[in-house]
Amino acid sequence: MNQYYFIIKWMDPDVYFPYTEKDRIPRVINPPEFYYTNKKDLLNRNWFRQIMEGNRRDYFAYDCEYWMPLLPGKNLYKIFINDVTDQRSEGADPEFDLPEGYSVRMKVVPAMRTLGSDPTRMPIGERSKDPELIRRGFDIQFTIEKNRPGEEEPVCELGTES
């Protein structure tokens, strides 16, 4: 299965005991596994694994769109993406000032570079045939968009025939 590890953390401005005011402790805000029960992305973990490893969803399938709630207002986030199979990772520290009724759309495109060149984008899942090309990181793009009430999150029936 072509999957990646994705964690988003919120830099909570309120610091709780036992931390001091100068500590900025990022809090993981990935939704729990059951939040994605209707995705049909073949990545659902059983209850035993959720008890042992925690129930937050941290693996996601390529070629699938996921919706994840963020807080309205001005907030700082830390994002970490890791593709273990292709040995690439990337991070971002975006700050968003989201009005009520708006969302952030994040587009992640695996980047490919040759030594000393700028990244060029390739379609997800396509592998290089040139041994001199070295995969490194991702191109991450953010846009703020107005919510569309009534729109349902798309189902990803990966690995199943329609």
N, C-alpha and C. Protein backbone atom coordinates (compact mmCIF):
# COMPACT_ATOMS: atom_id res chain seq x y z
N MET A 1 0.86 -1.19 0.00
CA MET A 1 0.00 0.00 0.00
C MET A 1 0.89 1.24 0.00
N ASN A 2 0.61 2.18 -0.86
CA ASN A 2 1.37 3.41 -0.96
C ASN A 2 0.83 4.40 0.07
N GLN A 3 1.53 4.53 1.19
CA GLN A 3 1.05 5.37 2.28
C GLN A 3 2.18 6.25 2.83
N TYR A 4 1.78 7.26 3.56
CA TYR A 4 2.74 8.17 4.16
C TYR A 4 2.31 8.46 5.60
N TYR A 5 3.28 8.89 6.40
CA TYR A 5 3.06 9.24 7.80
C TYR A 5 2.85 10.75 7.85
N PHE A 6 1.77 11.19 8.50
CA PHE A 6 1.43 12.62 8.53
C PHE A 6 0.96 13.00 9.93
N ILE A 7 1.63 13.97 10.52
CA ILE A 7 1.26 14.46 11.85
C ILE A 7 1.10 15.98 11.77
N ILE A 8 0.00 16.48 12.34
CA ILE A 8 -0.16 17.93 12.47
C ILE A 8 -0.32 18.26 13.95
N LYS A 9 0.47 19.24 14.38
CA LYS A 9 0.45 19.65 15.79
C LYS A 9 0.05 21.12 15.87
N TRP A 10 -0.71 21.42 16.91
CA TRP A 10 -1.16 22.78 17.17
C TRP A 10 -0.27 23.37 18.25
N MET A 11 0.26 24.56 18.00
CA MET A 11 1.07 25.25 19.01
C MET A 11 0.12 26.01 19.93
N ASP A 12 -0.40 25.31 20.91
CA ASP A 12 -1.38 25.85 21.85
C ASP A 12 -0.80 27.05 22.59
N PRO A 13 -1.43 28.22 22.50
CA PRO A 13 -0.90 29.40 23.20
C PRO A 13 -1.07 29.32 24.72
N ASP A 14 -1.99 28.48 25.19
CA ASP A 14 -2.19 28.31 26.64
C ASP A 14 -1.32 27.16 27.13
N VAL A 15 -0.48 27.44 28.11
CA VAL A 15 0.43 26.43 28.64
C VAL A 15 -0.15 25.86 29.93
N TYR A 16 -0.13 24.55 30.04
CA TYR A 16 -0.71 23.88 31.19
C TYR A 16 0.36 23.32 32.10
N PHE A 17 0.02 23.16 33.36
CA PHE A 17 0.93 22.53 34.32
C PHE A 17 1.31 21.15 33.81
N PRO A 18 2.53 20.71 33.91
CA PRO A 18 3.68 21.22 34.68
C PRO A 18 4.60 22.13 33.87
N TYR A 19 4.18 22.59 32.69
CA TYR A 19 5.04 23.42 31.85
C TYR A 19 4.97 24.88 32.28
N THR A 20 6.05 25.62 31.97
CA THR A 20 6.09 27.03 32.32
C THR A 20 5.58 27.85 31.14
N GLU A 21 5.43 29.16 31.35
CA GLU A 21 4.91 30.03 30.29
C GLU A 21 5.79 30.05 29.06
N LYS A 22 7.10 29.84 29.23
CA LYS A 22 8.03 29.89 28.10
C LYS A 22 8.00 28.61 27.27
N ASP A 23 7.44 27.54 27.82
CA ASP A 23 7.36 26.29 27.06
C ASP A 23 6.25 26.40 26.03
N ARG A 24 6.55 25.98 24.82
CA ARG A 24 5.53 25.89 23.78
C ARG A 24 5.42 24.42 23.42
N ILE A 25 4.46 23.74 23.96
CA ILE A 25 4.32 22.31 23.75
C ILE A 25 3.33 22.08 22.61
N PRO A 26 3.82 21.53 21.49
CA PRO A 26 2.88 21.25 20.39
C PRO A 26 1.98 20.07 20.75
N ARG A 27 0.69 20.19 20.44
CA ARG A 27 -0.28 19.15 20.76
C ARG A 27 -0.79 18.52 19.47
N VAL A 28 -0.65 17.20 19.38
CA VAL A 28 -1.09 16.49 18.18
C VAL A 28 -2.60 16.62 18.06
N ILE A 29 -3.08 17.02 16.87
CA ILE A 29 -4.52 17.18 16.68
C ILE A 29 -5.06 16.27 15.58
N ASN A 30 -4.28 15.27 15.16
CA ASN A 30 -4.82 14.30 14.21
C ASN A 30 -6.08 13.68 14.80
N PRO A 31 -7.14 13.54 14.00
CA PRO A 31 -8.36 12.93 14.53
C PRO A 31 -8.16 11.45 14.84
N PRO A 32 -9.05 10.88 15.67
CA PRO A 32 -8.94 9.45 15.98
C PRO A 32 -9.29 8.60 14.75
N GLU A 33 -8.92 7.33 14.83
CA GLU A 33 -9.12 6.40 13.72
C GLU A 33 -10.57 6.36 13.25
N PHE A 34 -11.53 6.35 14.18
CA PHE A 34 -12.94 6.21 13.79
C PHE A 34 -13.44 7.39 12.96
N TYR A 35 -12.74 8.53 12.99
CA TYR A 35 -13.11 9.70 12.21
C TYR A 35 -13.09 9.39 10.71
N TYR A 36 -12.27 8.42 10.31
CA TYR A 36 -12.12 8.08 8.89
C TYR A 36 -12.72 6.71 8.56
N THR A 37 -13.69 6.24 9.31
CA THR A 37 -14.24 4.90 9.08
C THR A 37 -14.87 4.75 7.71
N ASN A 38 -15.36 5.82 7.11
CA ASN A 38 -16.02 5.71 5.80
C ASN A 38 -15.10 5.99 4.61
N LYS A 39 -13.79 6.16 4.85
CA LYS A 39 -12.87 6.49 3.76
C LYS A 39 -12.64 5.32 2.81
N LYS A 40 -12.69 4.10 3.30
CA LYS A 40 -12.42 2.89 2.50
C LYS A 40 -11.04 2.96 1.86
N ASP A 41 -10.05 3.41 2.63
CA ASP A 41 -8.68 3.52 2.12
C ASP A 41 -7.81 2.32 2.52
N LEU A 42 -8.43 1.31 3.13
CA LEU A 42 -7.77 0.06 3.51
C LEU A 42 -6.70 0.26 4.59
N LEU A 43 -6.73 1.37 5.32
CA LEU A 43 -5.73 1.63 6.36
C LEU A 43 -6.30 1.56 7.77
N ASN A 44 -7.52 1.10 7.94
CA ASN A 44 -8.13 1.08 9.27
C ASN A 44 -7.38 0.13 10.19
N ARG A 45 -7.07 0.61 11.40
CA ARG A 45 -6.39 -0.23 12.40
C ARG A 45 -7.41 -0.86 13.32
N ASN A 46 -7.15 -2.09 13.76
CA ASN A 46 -8.08 -2.77 14.67
C ASN A 46 -7.98 -2.17 16.08
N TRP A 47 -8.93 -2.51 16.92
CA TRP A 47 -9.00 -1.94 18.27
C TRP A 47 -7.75 -2.25 19.08
N PHE A 48 -7.21 -3.46 18.94
CA PHE A 48 -6.01 -3.83 19.70
C PHE A 48 -4.85 -2.89 19.39
N ARG A 49 -4.61 -2.64 18.10
CA ARG A 49 -3.52 -1.73 17.72
C ARG A 49 -3.79 -0.31 18.20
N GLN A 50 -5.05 0.11 18.21
CA GLN A 50 -5.37 1.46 18.69
C GLN A 50 -5.09 1.59 20.18
N ILE A 51 -5.37 0.53 20.93
CA ILE A 51 -5.09 0.55 22.38
C ILE A 51 -3.59 0.59 22.62
N MET A 52 -2.85 -0.21 21.86
CA MET A 52 -1.40 -0.30 22.06
C MET A 52 -0.64 0.92 21.53
N GLU A 53 -1.08 1.48 20.40
CA GLU A 53 -0.33 2.54 19.73
C GLU A 53 -0.97 3.92 19.81
N GLY A 54 -2.15 4.00 20.39
CA GLY A 54 -2.90 5.25 20.40
C GLY A 54 -3.88 5.25 19.24
N ASN A 55 -4.98 5.97 19.40
CA ASN A 55 -6.04 5.87 18.39
C ASN A 55 -6.03 7.00 17.38
N ARG A 56 -5.03 7.88 17.40
CA ARG A 56 -4.98 8.95 16.40
C ARG A 56 -4.51 8.40 15.06
N ARG A 57 -5.15 8.81 13.98
CA ARG A 57 -4.76 8.38 12.64
C ARG A 57 -3.49 9.10 12.26
N ASP A 58 -2.42 8.35 11.96
CA ASP A 58 -1.18 9.00 11.55
C ASP A 58 -0.64 8.46 10.23
N TYR A 59 -1.28 7.44 9.65
CA TYR A 59 -0.91 6.98 8.31
C TYR A 59 -2.07 7.24 7.36
N PHE A 60 -1.75 7.72 6.17
CA PHE A 60 -2.75 8.08 5.17
C PHE A 60 -2.33 7.54 3.82
N ALA A 61 -3.29 7.30 2.94
CA ALA A 61 -3.02 6.74 1.62
C ALA A 61 -2.80 7.85 0.60
N TYR A 62 -1.82 7.65 -0.27
CA TYR A 62 -1.66 8.56 -1.40
C TYR A 62 -2.90 8.49 -2.29
N ASP A 63 -3.11 9.51 -3.07
CA ASP A 63 -4.23 9.58 -4.03
C ASP A 63 -5.57 9.59 -3.31
N CYS A 64 -5.62 10.11 -2.11
CA CYS A 64 -6.85 10.16 -1.34
C CYS A 64 -6.93 11.53 -0.66
N GLU A 65 -8.11 12.14 -0.67
CA GLU A 65 -8.28 13.44 -0.01
C GLU A 65 -8.87 13.21 1.38
N TYR A 66 -8.24 13.81 2.39
CA TYR A 66 -8.70 13.69 3.77
C TYR A 66 -9.11 15.07 4.30
N TRP A 67 -10.16 15.10 5.07
CA TRP A 67 -10.57 16.33 5.73
C TRP A 67 -10.22 16.21 7.20
N MET A 68 -9.59 17.26 7.74
CA MET A 68 -9.17 17.27 9.13
C MET A 68 -9.54 18.62 9.72
N PRO A 69 -10.27 18.64 10.83
CA PRO A 69 -10.70 19.93 11.39
C PRO A 69 -9.54 20.74 11.97
N LEU A 70 -9.56 22.06 11.70
CA LEU A 70 -8.63 23.01 12.31
C LEU A 70 -9.43 24.07 13.04
N LEU A 71 -8.75 24.76 13.95
CA LEU A 71 -9.43 25.78 14.75
C LEU A 71 -9.55 27.09 13.99
N PRO A 72 -10.69 27.79 14.14
CA PRO A 72 -10.76 29.14 13.55
C PRO A 72 -9.88 30.09 14.35
N GLY A 73 -9.57 31.23 13.75
CA GLY A 73 -8.72 32.21 14.41
C GLY A 73 -7.27 32.05 14.00
N LYS A 74 -6.40 32.82 14.65
CA LYS A 74 -4.98 32.82 14.32
C LYS A 74 -4.27 31.75 15.14
N ASN A 75 -3.72 30.74 14.45
CA ASN A 75 -3.06 29.63 15.12
C ASN A 75 -1.83 29.20 14.35
N LEU A 76 -0.83 28.75 15.09
CA LEU A 76 0.41 28.24 14.52
C LEU A 76 0.37 26.71 14.59
N TYR A 77 0.79 26.06 13.50
CA TYR A 77 0.80 24.59 13.43
C TYR A 77 2.19 24.10 13.05
N LYS A 78 2.47 22.86 13.37
CA LYS A 78 3.68 22.17 12.92
C LYS A 78 3.23 20.94 12.17
N ILE A 79 3.73 20.78 10.96
CA ILE A 79 3.33 19.66 10.11
C ILE A 79 4.56 18.83 9.78
N PHE A 80 4.40 17.51 9.87
CA PHE A 80 5.49 16.60 9.52
C PHE A 80 4.96 15.51 8.60
N ILE A 81 5.63 15.31 7.46
CA ILE A 81 5.24 14.29 6.49
C ILE A 81 6.45 13.40 6.25
N ASN A 82 6.23 12.08 6.27
CA ASN A 82 7.32 11.15 6.06
C ASN A 82 6.85 9.99 5.18
N ASP A 83 7.57 9.75 4.11
CA ASP A 83 7.33 8.60 3.25
C ASP A 83 8.51 7.66 3.45
N VAL A 84 8.32 6.65 4.29
CA VAL A 84 9.40 5.74 4.65
C VAL A 84 9.89 4.96 3.44
N THR A 85 8.97 4.52 2.60
CA THR A 85 9.32 3.70 1.44
C THR A 85 10.29 4.42 0.51
N ASP A 86 10.01 5.67 0.19
CA ASP A 86 10.87 6.43 -0.73
C ASP A 86 11.89 7.30 0.00
N GLN A 87 12.00 7.13 1.31
CA GLN A 87 12.98 7.83 2.14
C GLN A 87 12.99 9.33 1.90
N ARG A 88 11.84 9.94 2.11
CA ARG A 88 11.75 11.39 1.99
C ARG A 88 10.85 11.91 3.10
N SER A 89 11.16 13.10 3.56
CA SER A 89 10.33 13.71 4.59
C SER A 89 10.39 15.22 4.43
N GLU A 90 9.42 15.89 5.03
CA GLU A 90 9.36 17.34 4.93
C GLU A 90 8.56 17.86 6.11
N GLY A 91 8.74 19.09 6.43
CA GLY A 91 7.97 19.72 7.50
C GLY A 91 7.57 21.12 7.10
N ALA A 92 6.65 21.68 7.86
CA ALA A 92 6.21 23.05 7.64
C ALA A 92 5.69 23.60 8.95
N ASP A 93 5.81 24.90 9.15
CA ASP A 93 5.31 25.58 10.35
C ASP A 93 4.39 26.71 9.95
N PRO A 94 3.24 26.40 9.35
CA PRO A 94 2.35 27.47 8.88
C PRO A 94 1.56 28.12 10.01
N GLU A 95 1.23 29.39 9.81
CA GLU A 95 0.32 30.09 10.71
C GLU A 95 -0.87 30.53 9.87
N PHE A 96 -2.06 30.18 10.34
CA PHE A 96 -3.28 30.53 9.61
C PHE A 96 -4.16 31.40 10.48
N ASP A 97 -4.82 32.37 9.86
CA ASP A 97 -5.84 33.17 10.54
C ASP A 97 -7.15 32.84 9.83
N LEU A 98 -7.82 31.81 10.32
CA LEU A 98 -9.02 31.30 9.64
C LEU A 98 -10.28 31.98 10.16
N PRO A 99 -11.00 32.67 9.29
CA PRO A 99 -12.31 33.19 9.70
C PRO A 99 -13.29 32.01 9.84
N GLU A 100 -14.36 32.23 10.58
CA GLU A 100 -15.41 31.21 10.68
C GLU A 100 -15.90 30.87 9.29
N GLY A 101 -16.11 29.59 9.03
CA GLY A 101 -16.64 29.18 7.74
C GLY A 101 -15.60 29.01 6.65
N TYR A 102 -14.31 29.03 7.02
CA TYR A 102 -13.24 28.85 6.04
C TYR A 102 -12.36 27.67 6.46
N SER A 103 -11.69 27.09 5.46
CA SER A 103 -10.81 25.96 5.69
C SER A 103 -9.49 26.16 4.96
N VAL A 104 -8.52 25.35 5.34
CA VAL A 104 -7.23 25.34 4.66
C VAL A 104 -7.18 24.10 3.78
N ARG A 105 -6.82 24.28 2.53
CA ARG A 105 -6.58 23.13 1.65
C ARG A 105 -5.07 22.99 1.53
N MET A 106 -4.58 21.81 1.85
CA MET A 106 -3.16 21.52 1.75
C MET A 106 -2.96 20.52 0.62
N LYS A 107 -2.11 20.88 -0.31
CA LYS A 107 -1.78 19.98 -1.41
C LYS A 107 -0.33 19.56 -1.23
N VAL A 108 -0.10 18.26 -1.25
CA VAL A 108 1.24 17.73 -1.06
C VAL A 108 1.64 16.98 -2.33
N VAL A 109 2.74 17.40 -2.93
CA VAL A 109 3.23 16.75 -4.15
C VAL A 109 4.66 16.27 -3.88
N PRO A 110 4.92 14.97 -4.05
CA PRO A 110 6.31 14.51 -3.88
C PRO A 110 7.23 15.24 -4.85
N ALA A 111 8.35 15.73 -4.35
CA ALA A 111 9.30 16.48 -5.17
C ALA A 111 10.44 15.56 -5.60
N MET A 112 11.01 15.88 -6.74
CA MET A 112 12.15 15.12 -7.24
C MET A 112 13.21 16.12 -7.66
N ARG A 113 14.45 15.87 -7.30
CA ARG A 113 15.53 16.77 -7.65
C ARG A 113 16.71 16.00 -8.23
N THR A 114 17.46 16.66 -9.08
CA THR A 114 18.78 16.16 -9.43
C THR A 114 19.74 16.97 -8.58
N LEU A 115 20.95 16.49 -8.41
CA LEU A 115 21.91 17.23 -7.59
C LEU A 115 22.11 18.63 -8.16
N GLY A 116 21.90 19.64 -7.34
CA GLY A 116 22.10 21.02 -7.74
C GLY A 116 20.99 21.63 -8.57
N SER A 117 19.85 20.97 -8.69
CA SER A 117 18.77 21.54 -9.50
C SER A 117 17.56 21.85 -8.64
N ASP A 118 16.63 22.58 -9.22
CA ASP A 118 15.38 22.85 -8.53
C ASP A 118 14.46 21.64 -8.64
N PRO A 119 13.55 21.46 -7.65
CA PRO A 119 12.65 20.32 -7.74
C PRO A 119 11.72 20.43 -8.94
N THR A 120 11.43 19.32 -9.55
CA THR A 120 10.40 19.25 -10.57
C THR A 120 9.37 18.26 -10.09
N ARG A 121 8.13 18.53 -10.35
CA ARG A 121 7.07 17.68 -9.83
C ARG A 121 6.83 16.49 -10.74
N MET A 122 6.50 15.39 -10.09
CA MET A 122 6.11 14.18 -10.81
C MET A 122 4.79 13.71 -10.26
N PRO A 123 3.98 13.01 -11.06
CA PRO A 123 2.72 12.48 -10.53
C PRO A 123 2.98 11.53 -9.38
N ILE A 124 2.07 11.53 -8.40
CA ILE A 124 2.21 10.64 -7.26
C ILE A 124 2.26 9.20 -7.75
N GLY A 125 3.17 8.43 -7.21
CA GLY A 125 3.27 7.02 -7.55
C GLY A 125 4.21 6.72 -8.70
N GLU A 126 4.61 7.72 -9.49
CA GLU A 126 5.50 7.47 -10.61
C GLU A 126 6.93 7.44 -10.11
N ARG A 127 7.69 6.42 -10.48
CA ARG A 127 9.06 6.28 -10.02
C ARG A 127 10.04 6.71 -11.10
N SER A 128 11.17 7.22 -10.67
CA SER A 128 12.19 7.67 -11.59
C SER A 128 12.86 6.50 -12.30
N LYS A 129 13.16 6.68 -13.58
CA LYS A 129 13.90 5.68 -14.34
C LYS A 129 15.36 6.11 -14.49
N ASP A 130 15.68 7.31 -14.07
CA ASP A 130 17.04 7.84 -14.15
C ASP A 130 17.72 7.68 -12.79
N PRO A 131 18.77 6.85 -12.69
CA PRO A 131 19.40 6.61 -11.38
C PRO A 131 20.05 7.84 -10.78
N GLU A 132 20.31 8.90 -11.57
CA GLU A 132 20.93 10.10 -11.02
C GLU A 132 19.92 11.00 -10.30
N LEU A 133 18.62 10.74 -10.52
CA LEU A 133 17.61 11.54 -9.84
C LEU A 133 17.44 11.03 -8.41
N ILE A 134 17.42 11.93 -7.48
CA ILE A 134 17.30 11.57 -6.06
C ILE A 134 16.04 12.21 -5.51
N ARG A 135 15.16 11.41 -4.92
CA ARG A 135 13.93 11.95 -4.35
C ARG A 135 14.25 12.60 -3.01
N ARG A 136 13.72 13.79 -2.81
CA ARG A 136 13.87 14.49 -1.54
C ARG A 136 12.63 15.32 -1.27
N GLY A 137 11.98 15.03 -0.19
CA GLY A 137 10.92 15.87 0.31
C GLY A 137 9.66 15.97 -0.52
N PHE A 138 8.87 16.99 -0.19
CA PHE A 138 7.59 17.22 -0.81
C PHE A 138 7.44 18.71 -1.08
N ASP A 139 6.65 19.04 -2.07
CA ASP A 139 6.23 20.42 -2.30
C ASP A 139 4.88 20.57 -1.60
N ILE A 140 4.79 21.46 -0.62
CA ILE A 140 3.56 21.63 0.17
C ILE A 140 2.97 23.00 -0.16
N GLN A 141 1.70 23.01 -0.56
CA GLN A 141 1.02 24.25 -0.92
C GLN A 141 -0.23 24.39 -0.07
N PHE A 142 -0.49 25.61 0.42
CA PHE A 142 -1.67 25.89 1.23
C PHE A 142 -2.53 26.95 0.55
N THR A 143 -3.84 26.76 0.58
CA THR A 143 -4.77 27.80 0.16
C THR A 143 -5.90 27.85 1.18
N ILE A 144 -6.45 29.04 1.39
CA ILE A 144 -7.59 29.20 2.29
C ILE A 144 -8.84 29.35 1.44
N GLU A 145 -9.83 28.51 1.72
CA GLU A 145 -11.04 28.47 0.90
C GLU A 145 -12.28 28.54 1.78
N LYS A 146 -13.34 29.08 1.22
CA LYS A 146 -14.63 29.13 1.92
C LYS A 146 -15.22 27.72 1.97
N ASN A 147 -15.77 27.35 3.12
CA ASN A 147 -16.42 26.04 3.26
C ASN A 147 -17.63 25.96 2.33
N ARG A 148 -17.95 24.75 1.97
CA ARG A 148 -19.12 24.51 1.13
C ARG A 148 -20.09 23.64 1.92
N PRO A 149 -21.03 24.28 2.63
CA PRO A 149 -21.96 23.52 3.49
C PRO A 149 -22.69 22.44 2.70
N GLY A 150 -22.82 21.29 3.31
CA GLY A 150 -23.54 20.19 2.69
C GLY A 150 -22.66 19.28 1.84
N GLU A 151 -21.44 19.72 1.53
CA GLU A 151 -20.56 18.87 0.73
C GLU A 151 -20.04 17.73 1.59
N GLU A 152 -20.06 16.52 1.05
CA GLU A 152 -19.60 15.36 1.79
C GLU A 152 -18.16 15.04 1.44
N GLU A 153 -17.43 14.57 2.44
CA GLU A 153 -16.04 14.18 2.24
C GLU A 153 -15.97 13.03 1.25
N PRO A 154 -15.05 13.10 0.26
CA PRO A 154 -14.98 12.04 -0.74
C PRO A 154 -14.50 10.72 -0.14
N VAL A 155 -15.07 9.63 -0.64
CA VAL A 155 -14.67 8.29 -0.24
C VAL A 155 -13.53 7.86 -1.16
N CYS A 156 -12.53 7.19 -0.60
CA CYS A 156 -11.40 6.68 -1.40
C CYS A 156 -11.50 5.16 -1.39
N GLU A 157 -12.03 4.61 -2.43
CA GLU A 157 -12.14 3.15 -2.50
C GLU A 157 -10.90 2.60 -3.17
N LEU A 158 -9.77 2.71 -2.46
CA LEU A 158 -8.50 2.27 -3.01
C LEU A 158 -8.41 0.74 -2.94
N GLY A 159 -7.96 0.16 -4.00
CA GLY A 159 -7.79 -1.29 -4.01
C GLY A 159 -9.06 -2.05 -4.22
N THR A 160 -10.17 -1.37 -4.51
CA THR A 160 -11.43 -2.06 -4.76
C THR A 160 -11.90 -1.70 -6.16
N GLU A 161 -12.62 -2.59 -6.75
CA GLU A 161 -13.16 -2.32 -8.09
C GLU A 161 -14.55 -1.73 -7.97
N SER A 162 -14.88 -0.75 -8.84
CA SER A 162 -16.20 -0.15 -8.78
C SER A 162 -17.19 -0.95 -9.58
